[in-house]
Amino acid sequence: RVWSIISTITYLGSIVAFIVAGFLADKVFNPLLEVNGQLAGT
């Protein structure tokens, strides 16, 4: 029972993390790391 609760919480967190990471990668971090992006020089 304990492992099932831990797994449920973990998998729910993973789903949220995948959604948030995809959005952040495409809309925030990729533009910053384009050739002339704000983080390109650092």
ModelCIF file with pLDDT and N, C-alpha, C, O atoms, coordinates in Angstrom:
data_MODEL
#
_entry.id   MODEL 
#
_entity.id                         1 
_entity.type                       polymer 
_entity.pdbx_number_of_molecules   1 
#
_entity_poly.entity_id                      1 
_entity_poly.type                           'polypeptide(L)' 
_entity_poly.nstd_linkage                   no 
_entity_poly.nstd_monomer                   no 
_entity_poly.pdbx_seq_one_letter_code       RVWSIISTITYLGSIVAFIVAGFLADKVFNPLLEVNGQLAGT 
_entity_poly.pdbx_seq_one_letter_code_can   RVWSIISTITYLGSIVAFIVAGFLADKVFNPLLEVNGQLAGT 
_entity_poly.pdbx_strand_id                 A 
#
loop_
_entity_poly_seq.entity_id 
_entity_poly_seq.num 
_entity_poly_seq.mon_id 
_entity_poly_seq.hetero 
1 1  ARG n 
1 2  VAL n 
1 3  TRP n 
1 4  SER n 
1 5  ILE n 
1 6  ILE n 
1 7  SER n 
1 8  THR n 
1 9  ILE n 
1 10 THR n 
1 11 TYR n 
1 12 LEU n 
1 13 GLY n 
1 14 SER n 
1 15 ILE n 
1 16 VAL n 
1 17 ALA n 
1 18 PHE n 
1 19 ILE n 
1 20 VAL n 
1 21 ALA n 
1 22 GLY n 
1 23 PHE n 
1 24 LEU n 
1 25 ALA n 
1 26 ASP n 
1 27 LYS n 
1 28 VAL n 
1 29 PHE n 
1 30 ASN n 
1 31 PRO n 
1 32 LEU n 
1 33 LEU n 
1 34 GLU n 
1 35 VAL n 
1 36 ASN n 
1 37 GLY n 
1 38 GLN n 
1 39 LEU n 
1 40 ALA n 
1 41 GLY n 
1 42 THR n 
#
_struct_asym.id          A 
_struct_asym.entity_id   1 
#
loop_
_ma_qa_metric.id 
_ma_qa_metric.mode 
_ma_qa_metric.name 
_ma_qa_metric.software_group_id 
_ma_qa_metric.type 
1 global pLDDT . pLDDT 
2 local  pLDDT . pLDDT 
#
_ma_qa_metric_global.metric_id      1 
_ma_qa_metric_global.metric_value   91.48 
_ma_qa_metric_global.model_id       1 
_ma_qa_metric_global.ordinal_id     1 
#
loop_
_ma_qa_metric_local.label_asym_id 
_ma_qa_metric_local.label_comp_id 
_ma_qa_metric_local.label_seq_id 
_ma_qa_metric_local.metric_id 
_ma_qa_metric_local.metric_value 
_ma_qa_metric_local.model_id 
_ma_qa_metric_local.ordinal_id 
A ARG 1  2 93.00 1 1  
A VAL 2  2 92.00 1 2  
A TRP 3  2 91.00 1 3  
A SER 4  2 94.00 1 4  
A ILE 5  2 94.00 1 5  
A ILE 6  2 90.00 1 6  
A SER 7  2 91.00 1 7  
A THR 8  2 95.00 1 8  
A ILE 9  2 93.00 1 9  
A THR 10 2 89.00 1 10 
A TYR 11 2 93.00 1 11 
A LEU 12 2 95.00 1 12 
A GLY 13 2 91.00 1 13 
A SER 14 2 90.00 1 14 
A ILE 15 2 94.00 1 15 
A VAL 16 2 94.00 1 16 
A ALA 17 2 90.00 1 17 
A PHE 18 2 89.00 1 18 
A ILE 19 2 90.00 1 19 
A VAL 20 2 92.00 1 20 
A ALA 21 2 90.00 1 21 
A GLY 22 2 89.00 1 22 
A PHE 23 2 92.00 1 23 
A LEU 24 2 92.00 1 24 
A ALA 25 2 91.00 1 25 
A ASP 26 2 90.00 1 26 
A LYS 27 2 92.00 1 27 
A VAL 28 2 91.00 1 28 
A PHE 29 2 91.00 1 29 
A ASN 30 2 92.00 1 30 
A PRO 31 2 92.00 1 31 
A LEU 32 2 92.00 1 32 
A LEU 33 2 92.00 1 33 
A GLU 34 2 91.00 1 34 
A VAL 35 2 90.00 1 35 
A ASN 36 2 89.00 1 36 
A GLY 37 2 89.00 1 37 
A GLN 38 2 92.00 1 38 
A LEU 39 2 91.00 1 39 
A ALA 40 2 90.00 1 40 
A GLY 41 2 91.00 1 41 
A THR 42 2 93.00 1 42 
#
loop_
_atom_site.group_PDB 
_atom_site.id 
_atom_site.type_symbol 
_atom_site.label_atom_id 
_atom_site.label_alt_id 
_atom_site.label_comp_id 
_atom_site.label_asym_id 
_atom_site.label_entity_id 
_atom_site.label_seq_id 
_atom_site.pdbx_PDB_ins_code 
_atom_site.Cartn_x 
_atom_site.Cartn_y 
_atom_site.Cartn_z 
_atom_site.occupancy 
_atom_site.B_iso_or_equiv 
_atom_site.pdbx_formal_charge 
_atom_site.auth_seq_id 
_atom_site.auth_comp_id 
_atom_site.auth_asym_id 
_atom_site.auth_atom_id 
_atom_site.pdbx_PDB_model_num 
ATOM 1   N N  . ARG A 1 1  ? 0.830  -1.215 0.000   1.00 93.00 ? 1  ARG A N  1 
ATOM 2   C CA . ARG A 1 1  ? 0.000  0.000  0.000   1.00 93.00 ? 1  ARG A CA 1 
ATOM 3   C C  . ARG A 1 1  ? 0.862  1.261  0.000   1.00 93.00 ? 1  ARG A C  1 
ATOM 4   O O  . ARG A 1 1  ? 0.580  2.226  -0.711  1.00 93.00 ? 1  ARG A O  1 
ATOM 5   N N  . VAL A 1 2  ? 1.910  1.232  0.807   1.00 92.00 ? 2  VAL A N  1 
ATOM 6   C CA . VAL A 1 2  ? 2.797  2.399  0.887   1.00 92.00 ? 2  VAL A CA 1 
ATOM 7   C C  . VAL A 1 2  ? 3.475  2.634  -0.460  1.00 92.00 ? 2  VAL A C  1 
ATOM 8   O O  . VAL A 1 2  ? 3.542  3.768  -0.935  1.00 92.00 ? 2  VAL A O  1 
ATOM 9   N N  . TRP A 1 3  ? 3.977  1.568  -1.073  1.00 91.00 ? 3  TRP A N  1 
ATOM 10  C CA . TRP A 1 3  ? 4.646  1.725  -2.361  1.00 91.00 ? 3  TRP A CA 1 
ATOM 11  C C  . TRP A 1 3  ? 3.669  2.189  -3.435  1.00 91.00 ? 3  TRP A C  1 
ATOM 12  O O  . TRP A 1 3  ? 4.058  2.935  -4.333  1.00 91.00 ? 3  TRP A O  1 
ATOM 13  N N  . SER A 1 4  ? 2.414  1.765  -3.362  1.00 94.00 ? 4  SER A N  1 
ATOM 14  C CA . SER A 1 4  ? 1.447  2.221  -4.360  1.00 94.00 ? 4  SER A CA 1 
ATOM 15  C C  . SER A 1 4  ? 1.168  3.719  -4.207  1.00 94.00 ? 4  SER A C  1 
ATOM 16  O O  . SER A 1 4  ? 1.012  4.428  -5.202  1.00 94.00 ? 4  SER A O  1 
ATOM 17  N N  . ILE A 1 5  ? 1.105  4.193  -2.977  1.00 94.00 ? 5  ILE A N  1 
ATOM 18  C CA . ILE A 1 5  ? 0.907  5.633  -2.750  1.00 94.00 ? 5  ILE A CA 1 
ATOM 19  C C  . ILE A 1 5  ? 2.124  6.414  -3.244  1.00 94.00 ? 5  ILE A C  1 
ATOM 20  O O  . ILE A 1 5  ? 1.980  7.438  -3.913  1.00 94.00 ? 5  ILE A O  1 
ATOM 21  N N  . ILE A 1 6  ? 3.316  5.930  -2.913  1.00 90.00 ? 6  ILE A N  1 
ATOM 22  C CA . ILE A 1 6  ? 4.543  6.598  -3.356  1.00 90.00 ? 6  ILE A CA 1 
ATOM 23  C C  . ILE A 1 6  ? 4.611  6.616  -4.886  1.00 90.00 ? 6  ILE A C  1 
ATOM 24  O O  . ILE A 1 6  ? 4.967  7.634  -5.478  1.00 90.00 ? 6  ILE A O  1 
ATOM 25  N N  . SER A 1 7  ? 4.270  5.489  -5.527  1.00 91.00 ? 7  SER A N  1 
ATOM 26  C CA . SER A 1 7  ? 4.305  5.419  -6.985  1.00 91.00 ? 7  SER A CA 1 
ATOM 27  C C  . SER A 1 7  ? 3.302  6.366  -7.610  1.00 91.00 ? 7  SER A C  1 
ATOM 28  O O  . SER A 1 7  ? 3.606  7.027  -8.602  1.00 91.00 ? 7  SER A O  1 
ATOM 29  N N  . THR A 1 8  ? 2.107  6.440  -7.039  1.00 95.00 ? 8  THR A N  1 
ATOM 30  C CA . THR A 1 8  ? 1.088  7.347  -7.568  1.00 95.00 ? 8  THR A CA 1 
ATOM 31  C C  . THR A 1 8  ? 1.563  8.796  -7.508  1.00 95.00 ? 8  THR A C  1 
ATOM 32  O O  . THR A 1 8  ? 1.452  9.537  -8.484  1.00 95.00 ? 8  THR A O  1 
ATOM 33  N N  . ILE A 1 9  ? 2.086  9.183  -6.368  1.00 93.00 ? 9  ILE A N  1 
ATOM 34  C CA . ILE A 1 9  ? 2.579  10.559 -6.212  1.00 93.00 ? 9  ILE A CA 1 
ATOM 35  C C  . ILE A 1 9  ? 3.739  10.814 -7.169  1.00 93.00 ? 9  ILE A C  1 
ATOM 36  O O  . ILE A 1 9  ? 3.815  11.876 -7.788  1.00 93.00 ? 9  ILE A O  1 
ATOM 37  N N  . THR A 1 10 ? 4.639  9.847  -7.291  1.00 89.00 ? 10 THR A N  1 
ATOM 38  C CA . THR A 1 10 ? 5.789  9.997  -8.176  1.00 89.00 ? 10 THR A CA 1 
ATOM 39  C C  . THR A 1 10 ? 5.353  10.140 -9.627  1.00 89.00 ? 10 THR A C  1 
ATOM 40  O O  . THR A 1 10 ? 5.836  11.021 -10.338 1.00 89.00 ? 10 THR A O  1 
ATOM 41  N N  . TYR A 1 11 ? 4.443  9.278  -10.068 1.00 93.00 ? 11 TYR A N  1 
ATOM 42  C CA . TYR A 1 11 ? 3.998  9.344  -11.462 1.00 93.00 ? 11 TYR A CA 1 
ATOM 43  C C  . TYR A 1 11 ? 3.214  10.621 -11.747 1.00 93.00 ? 11 TYR A C  1 
ATOM 44  O O  . TYR A 1 11 ? 3.336  11.179 -12.838 1.00 93.00 ? 11 TYR A O  1 
ATOM 45  N N  . LEU A 1 12 ? 2.421  11.091 -10.804 1.00 95.00 ? 12 LEU A N  1 
ATOM 46  C CA . LEU A 1 12 ? 1.719  12.354 -10.999 1.00 95.00 ? 12 LEU A CA 1 
ATOM 47  C C  . LEU A 1 12 ? 2.723  13.501 -11.123 1.00 95.00 ? 12 LEU A C  1 
ATOM 48  O O  . LEU A 1 12 ? 2.574  14.386 -11.966 1.00 95.00 ? 12 LEU A O  1 
ATOM 49  N N  . GLY A 1 13 ? 3.746  13.469 -10.268 1.00 91.00 ? 13 GLY A N  1 
ATOM 50  C CA . GLY A 1 13 ? 4.794  14.472 -10.359 1.00 91.00 ? 13 GLY A CA 1 
ATOM 51  C C  . GLY A 1 13 ? 5.541  14.399 -11.683 1.00 91.00 ? 13 GLY A C  1 
ATOM 52  O O  . GLY A 1 13 ? 5.914  15.429 -12.243 1.00 91.00 ? 13 GLY A O  1 
ATOM 53  N N  . SER A 1 14 ? 5.761  13.193 -12.185 1.00 90.00 ? 14 SER A N  1 
ATOM 54  C CA . SER A 1 14 ? 6.448  13.030 -13.472 1.00 90.00 ? 14 SER A CA 1 
ATOM 55  C C  . SER A 1 14 ? 5.632  13.619 -14.611 1.00 90.00 ? 14 SER A C  1 
ATOM 56  O O  . SER A 1 14 ? 6.180  14.274 -15.498 1.00 90.00 ? 14 SER A O  1 
ATOM 57  N N  . ILE A 1 15 ? 4.322  13.386 -14.590 1.00 94.00 ? 15 ILE A N  1 
ATOM 58  C CA . ILE A 1 15 ? 3.457  13.933 -15.640 1.00 94.00 ? 15 ILE A CA 1 
ATOM 59  C C  . ILE A 1 15 ? 3.526  15.458 -15.637 1.00 94.00 ? 15 ILE A C  1 
ATOM 60  O O  . ILE A 1 15 ? 3.679  16.080 -16.689 1.00 94.00 ? 15 ILE A O  1 
ATOM 61  N N  . VAL A 1 16 ? 3.415  16.046 -14.470 1.00 94.00 ? 16 VAL A N  1 
ATOM 62  C CA . VAL A 1 16 ? 3.507  17.509 -14.366 1.00 94.00 ? 16 VAL A CA 1 
ATOM 63  C C  . VAL A 1 16 ? 4.883  17.978 -14.828 1.00 94.00 ? 16 VAL A C  1 
ATOM 64  O O  . VAL A 1 16 ? 4.994  18.975 -15.541 1.00 94.00 ? 16 VAL A O  1 
ATOM 65  N N  . ALA A 1 17 ? 5.926  17.266 -14.425 1.00 90.00 ? 17 ALA A N  1 
ATOM 66  C CA . ALA A 1 17 ? 7.286  17.653 -14.809 1.00 90.00 ? 17 ALA A CA 1 
ATOM 67  C C  . ALA A 1 17 ? 7.477  17.586 -16.321 1.00 90.00 ? 17 ALA A C  1 
ATOM 68  O O  . ALA A 1 17 ? 8.123  18.463 -16.893 1.00 90.00 ? 17 ALA A O  1 
ATOM 69  N N  . PHE A 1 18 ? 6.931  16.566 -16.978 1.00 89.00 ? 18 PHE A N  1 
ATOM 70  C CA . PHE A 1 18 ? 7.061  16.464 -18.435 1.00 89.00 ? 18 PHE A CA 1 
ATOM 71  C C  . PHE A 1 18 ? 6.366  17.622 -19.130 1.00 89.00 ? 18 PHE A C  1 
ATOM 72  O O  . PHE A 1 18 ? 6.897  18.192 -20.084 1.00 89.00 ? 18 PHE A O  1 
ATOM 73  N N  . ILE A 1 19 ? 5.188  17.966 -18.657 1.00 90.00 ? 19 ILE A N  1 
ATOM 74  C CA . ILE A 1 19 ? 4.444  19.078 -19.262 1.00 90.00 ? 19 ILE A CA 1 
ATOM 75  C C  . ILE A 1 19 ? 5.190  20.389 -19.054 1.00 90.00 ? 19 ILE A C  1 
ATOM 76  O O  . ILE A 1 19 ? 5.379  21.157 -19.998 1.00 90.00 ? 19 ILE A O  1 
ATOM 77  N N  . VAL A 1 20 ? 5.606  20.643 -17.836 1.00 92.00 ? 20 VAL A N  1 
ATOM 78  C CA . VAL A 1 20 ? 6.295  21.895 -17.527 1.00 92.00 ? 20 VAL A CA 1 
ATOM 79  C C  . VAL A 1 20 ? 7.645  21.961 -18.238 1.00 92.00 ? 20 VAL A C  1 
ATOM 80  O O  . VAL A 1 20 ? 8.011  23.009 -18.771 1.00 92.00 ? 20 VAL A O  1 
ATOM 81  N N  . ALA A 1 21 ? 8.390  20.853 -18.252 1.00 90.00 ? 21 ALA A N  1 
ATOM 82  C CA . ALA A 1 21 ? 9.712  20.846 -18.890 1.00 90.00 ? 21 ALA A CA 1 
ATOM 83  C C  . ALA A 1 21 ? 9.586  21.092 -20.388 1.00 90.00 ? 21 ALA A C  1 
ATOM 84  O O  . ALA A 1 21 ? 10.389 21.830 -20.960 1.00 90.00 ? 21 ALA A O  1 
ATOM 85  N N  . GLY A 1 22 ? 8.603  20.493 -21.022 1.00 89.00 ? 22 GLY A N  1 
ATOM 86  C CA . GLY A 1 22 ? 8.411  20.721 -22.458 1.00 89.00 ? 22 GLY A CA 1 
ATOM 87  C C  . GLY A 1 22 ? 8.113  22.173 -22.764 1.00 89.00 ? 22 GLY A C  1 
ATOM 88  O O  . GLY A 1 22 ? 8.680  22.754 -23.689 1.00 89.00 ? 22 GLY A O  1 
ATOM 89  N N  . PHE A 1 23 ? 7.222  22.752 -21.985 1.00 92.00 ? 23 PHE A N  1 
ATOM 90  C CA . PHE A 1 23 ? 6.885  24.166 -22.168 1.00 92.00 ? 23 PHE A CA 1 
ATOM 91  C C  . PHE A 1 23 ? 8.108  25.051 -21.932 1.00 92.00 ? 23 PHE A C  1 
ATOM 92  O O  . PHE A 1 23 ? 8.418  25.925 -22.742 1.00 92.00 ? 23 PHE A O  1 
ATOM 93  N N  . LEU A 1 24 ? 8.796  24.818 -20.815 1.00 92.00 ? 24 LEU A N  1 
ATOM 94  C CA . LEU A 1 24 ? 9.975  25.635 -20.498 1.00 92.00 ? 24 LEU A CA 1 
ATOM 95  C C  . LEU A 1 24 ? 11.063 25.495 -21.561 1.00 92.00 ? 24 LEU A C  1 
ATOM 96  O O  . LEU A 1 24 ? 11.686 26.483 -21.949 1.00 92.00 ? 24 LEU A O  1 
ATOM 97  N N  . ALA A 1 25 ? 11.286 24.278 -22.025 1.00 91.00 ? 25 ALA A N  1 
ATOM 98  C CA . ALA A 1 25 ? 12.324 24.072 -23.038 1.00 91.00 ? 25 ALA A CA 1 
ATOM 99  C C  . ALA A 1 25 ? 11.980 24.800 -24.328 1.00 91.00 ? 25 ALA A C  1 
ATOM 100 O O  . ALA A 1 25 ? 12.822 25.494 -24.897 1.00 91.00 ? 25 ALA A O  1 
ATOM 101 N N  . ASP A 1 26 ? 10.731 24.640 -24.795 1.00 90.00 ? 26 ASP A N  1 
ATOM 102 C CA . ASP A 1 26 ? 10.351 25.229 -26.079 1.00 90.00 ? 26 ASP A CA 1 
ATOM 103 C C  . ASP A 1 26 ? 10.144 26.734 -26.029 1.00 90.00 ? 26 ASP A C  1 
ATOM 104 O O  . ASP A 1 26 ? 10.524 27.438 -26.965 1.00 90.00 ? 26 ASP A O  1 
ATOM 105 N N  . LYS A 1 27 ? 9.554  27.234 -24.966 1.00 92.00 ? 27 LYS A N  1 
ATOM 106 C CA . LYS A 1 27 ? 9.135  28.637 -24.935 1.00 92.00 ? 27 LYS A CA 1 
ATOM 107 C C  . LYS A 1 27 ? 10.083 29.561 -24.155 1.00 92.00 ? 27 LYS A C  1 
ATOM 108 O O  . LYS A 1 27 ? 10.066 30.774 -24.359 1.00 92.00 ? 27 LYS A O  1 
ATOM 109 N N  . VAL A 1 28 ? 10.897 29.000 -23.273 1.00 91.00 ? 28 VAL A N  1 
ATOM 110 C CA . VAL A 1 28 ? 11.757 29.850 -22.446 1.00 91.00 ? 28 VAL A CA 1 
ATOM 111 C C  . VAL A 1 28 ? 13.238 29.607 -22.745 1.00 91.00 ? 28 VAL A C  1 
ATOM 112 O O  . VAL A 1 28 ? 13.942 30.529 -23.158 1.00 91.00 ? 28 VAL A O  1 
ATOM 113 N N  . PHE A 1 29 ? 13.717 28.382 -22.542 1.00 91.00 ? 29 PHE A N  1 
ATOM 114 C CA . PHE A 1 29 ? 15.155 28.134 -22.610 1.00 91.00 ? 29 PHE A CA 1 
ATOM 115 C C  . PHE A 1 29 ? 15.705 28.024 -24.030 1.00 91.00 ? 29 PHE A C  1 
ATOM 116 O O  . PHE A 1 29 ? 16.807 28.503 -24.295 1.00 91.00 ? 29 PHE A O  1 
ATOM 117 N N  . ASN A 1 30 ? 14.964 27.405 -24.949 1.00 92.00 ? 30 ASN A N  1 
ATOM 118 C CA . ASN A 1 30 ? 15.456 27.351 -26.332 1.00 92.00 ? 30 ASN A CA 1 
ATOM 119 C C  . ASN A 1 30 ? 15.644 28.744 -26.930 1.00 92.00 ? 30 ASN A C  1 
ATOM 120 O O  . ASN A 1 30 ? 16.684 29.002 -27.536 1.00 92.00 ? 30 ASN A O  1 
ATOM 121 N N  . PRO A 1 31 ? 14.667 29.660 -26.781 1.00 92.00 ? 31 PRO A N  1 
ATOM 122 C CA . PRO A 1 31 ? 14.914 31.017 -27.311 1.00 92.00 ? 31 PRO A CA 1 
ATOM 123 C C  . PRO A 1 31 ? 16.117 31.709 -26.662 1.00 92.00 ? 31 PRO A C  1 
ATOM 124 O O  . PRO A 1 31 ? 16.815 32.479 -27.321 1.00 92.00 ? 31 PRO A O  1 
ATOM 125 N N  . LEU A 1 32 ? 16.360 31.446 -25.399 1.00 92.00 ? 32 LEU A N  1 
ATOM 126 C CA . LEU A 1 32 ? 17.512 32.052 -24.733 1.00 92.00 ? 32 LEU A CA 1 
ATOM 127 C C  . LEU A 1 32 ? 18.833 31.513 -25.269 1.00 92.00 ? 32 LEU A C  1 
ATOM 128 O O  . LEU A 1 32 ? 19.858 32.194 -25.225 1.00 92.00 ? 32 LEU A O  1 
ATOM 129 N N  . LEU A 1 33 ? 18.797 30.275 -25.780 1.00 92.00 ? 33 LEU A N  1 
ATOM 130 C CA . LEU A 1 33 ? 20.024 29.631 -26.247 1.00 92.00 ? 33 LEU A CA 1 
ATOM 131 C C  . LEU A 1 33 ? 20.082 29.515 -27.764 1.00 92.00 ? 33 LEU A C  1 
ATOM 132 O O  . LEU A 1 33 ? 20.784 28.654 -28.294 1.00 92.00 ? 33 LEU A O  1 
ATOM 133 N N  . GLU A 1 34 ? 19.344 30.382 -28.471 1.00 91.00 ? 34 GLU A N  1 
ATOM 134 C CA . GLU A 1 34 ? 19.505 30.464 -29.912 1.00 91.00 ? 34 GLU A CA 1 
ATOM 135 C C  . GLU A 1 34 ? 20.818 31.184 -30.210 1.00 91.00 ? 34 GLU A C  1 
ATOM 136 O O  . GLU A 1 34 ? 21.474 31.695 -29.302 1.00 91.00 ? 34 GLU A O  1 
ATOM 137 N N  . VAL A 1 35 ? 21.192 31.220 -31.473 1.00 90.00 ? 35 VAL A N  1 
ATOM 138 C CA . VAL A 1 35 ? 22.485 31.804 -31.854 1.00 90.00 ? 35 VAL A CA 1 
ATOM 139 C C  . VAL A 1 35 ? 22.651 33.221 -31.310 1.00 90.00 ? 35 VAL A C  1 
ATOM 140 O O  . VAL A 1 35 ? 23.732 33.565 -30.833 1.00 90.00 ? 35 VAL A O  1 
ATOM 141 N N  . ASN A 1 36 ? 21.632 34.034 -31.367 1.00 89.00 ? 36 ASN A N  1 
ATOM 142 C CA . ASN A 1 36 ? 21.728 35.399 -30.849 1.00 89.00 ? 36 ASN A CA 1 
ATOM 143 C C  . ASN A 1 36 ? 20.894 35.579 -29.581 1.00 89.00 ? 36 ASN A C  1 
ATOM 144 O O  . ASN A 1 36 ? 20.490 36.698 -29.265 1.00 89.00 ? 36 ASN A O  1 
ATOM 145 N N  . GLY A 1 37 ? 20.635 34.505 -28.858 1.00 89.00 ? 37 GLY A N  1 
ATOM 146 C CA . GLY A 1 37 ? 19.833 34.575 -27.639 1.00 89.00 ? 37 GLY A CA 1 
ATOM 147 C C  . GLY A 1 37 ? 20.585 35.231 -26.493 1.00 89.00 ? 37 GLY A C  1 
ATOM 148 O O  . GLY A 1 37 ? 21.793 35.456 -26.560 1.00 89.00 ? 37 GLY A O  1 
ATOM 149 N N  . GLN A 1 38 ? 19.832 35.531 -25.439 1.00 92.00 ? 38 GLN A N  1 
ATOM 150 C CA . GLN A 1 38 ? 20.424 36.235 -24.291 1.00 92.00 ? 38 GLN A CA 1 
ATOM 151 C C  . GLN A 1 38 ? 21.480 35.422 -23.554 1.00 92.00 ? 38 GLN A C  1 
ATOM 152 O O  . GLN A 1 38 ? 22.387 35.997 -22.951 1.00 92.00 ? 38 GLN A O  1 
ATOM 153 N N  . LEU A 1 39 ? 21.380 34.109 -23.592 1.00 91.00 ? 39 LEU A N  1 
ATOM 154 C CA . LEU A 1 39 ? 22.369 33.271 -22.892 1.00 91.00 ? 39 LEU A CA 1 
ATOM 155 C C  . LEU A 1 39 ? 23.424 32.678 -23.834 1.00 91.00 ? 39 LEU A C  1 
ATOM 156 O O  . LEU A 1 39 ? 24.264 31.888 -23.404 1.00 91.00 ? 39 LEU A O  1 
ATOM 157 N N  . ALA A 1 40 ? 23.382 33.051 -25.096 1.00 90.00 ? 40 ALA A N  1 
ATOM 158 C CA . ALA A 1 40 ? 24.323 32.487 -26.070 1.00 90.00 ? 40 ALA A CA 1 
ATOM 159 C C  . ALA A 1 40 ? 25.775 32.814 -25.726 1.00 90.00 ? 40 ALA A C  1 
ATOM 160 O O  . ALA A 1 40 ? 26.665 31.988 -25.930 1.00 90.00 ? 40 ALA A O  1 
ATOM 161 N N  . GLY A 1 41 ? 26.012 34.001 -25.213 1.00 91.00 ? 41 GLY A N  1 
ATOM 162 C CA . GLY A 1 41 ? 27.376 34.408 -24.903 1.00 91.00 ? 41 GLY A CA 1 
ATOM 163 C C  . GLY A 1 41 ? 27.897 33.907 -23.574 1.00 91.00 ? 41 GLY A C  1 
ATOM 164 O O  . GLY A 1 41 ? 29.100 33.970 -23.323 1.00 91.00 ? 41 GLY A O  1 
ATOM 165 N N  . THR A 1 42 ? 27.015 33.407 -22.711 1.00 93.00 ? 42 THR A N  1 
ATOM 166 C CA . THR A 1 42 ? 27.445 32.928 -21.387 1.00 93.00 ? 42 THR A CA 1 
ATOM 167 C C  . THR A 1 42 ? 27.301 31.415 -21.313 1.00 93.00 ? 42 THR A C  1 
ATOM 168 O O  . THR A 1 42 ? 27.610 30.815 -20.283 1.00 93.00 ? 42 THR A O  1 
#
